[in-house]
Amino acid sequence: MYTAKRKYPSKRAWPSALLLASAGLIPGCTGAPHGCTLIGYNGIIATVTDAVSGTPICDAEVTATHGSSSDREFFYVTPDCKYAGAGEGDYELYVKRAGYGEATQHVHVDSTGGQCERPKTVMVTVGLVAEVSN
């Protein structure tokens, strides 16, 4: 008796895929040249902190514009409170959270070049200053 094989991964495979996605290893993959690993890399990994205390802020909104585009790309937050996204190029990073002033920072992301080109990850720390209430 022939039994058809599953077309989709088992339920046990999904947690692994979600873990890879949250670690920033597979977003934005579109294909890889022959001999290259099909893995997406984040160009920017940002840490957002309170500018005075240095305490990490894990519920900020982090977006970026690329080049001359006014479209904002949203970053996702990883389990260890890092904000990740973007590819290679020039970005304006916008960070905001209720109770804090908005911060912007210019970030340039280089490419590794070569056949298996990917962005060189840039680590950024953005300190938000708390708004003073009257």
Foldseek 3Di string as FASTA:
>chain_A
DDDDDDPDDDPVCVVVVVLCVLVQWAPPFDDAPPPADRTAHFQEKEWEAAQPPRHTDQPKWKWKDFDPDPDTDTFDAHPVRITTHDWAHKIWIWIDDPQWDIDIDIDGWDWPDDRGITTDHDYYYHHTYGDDDD
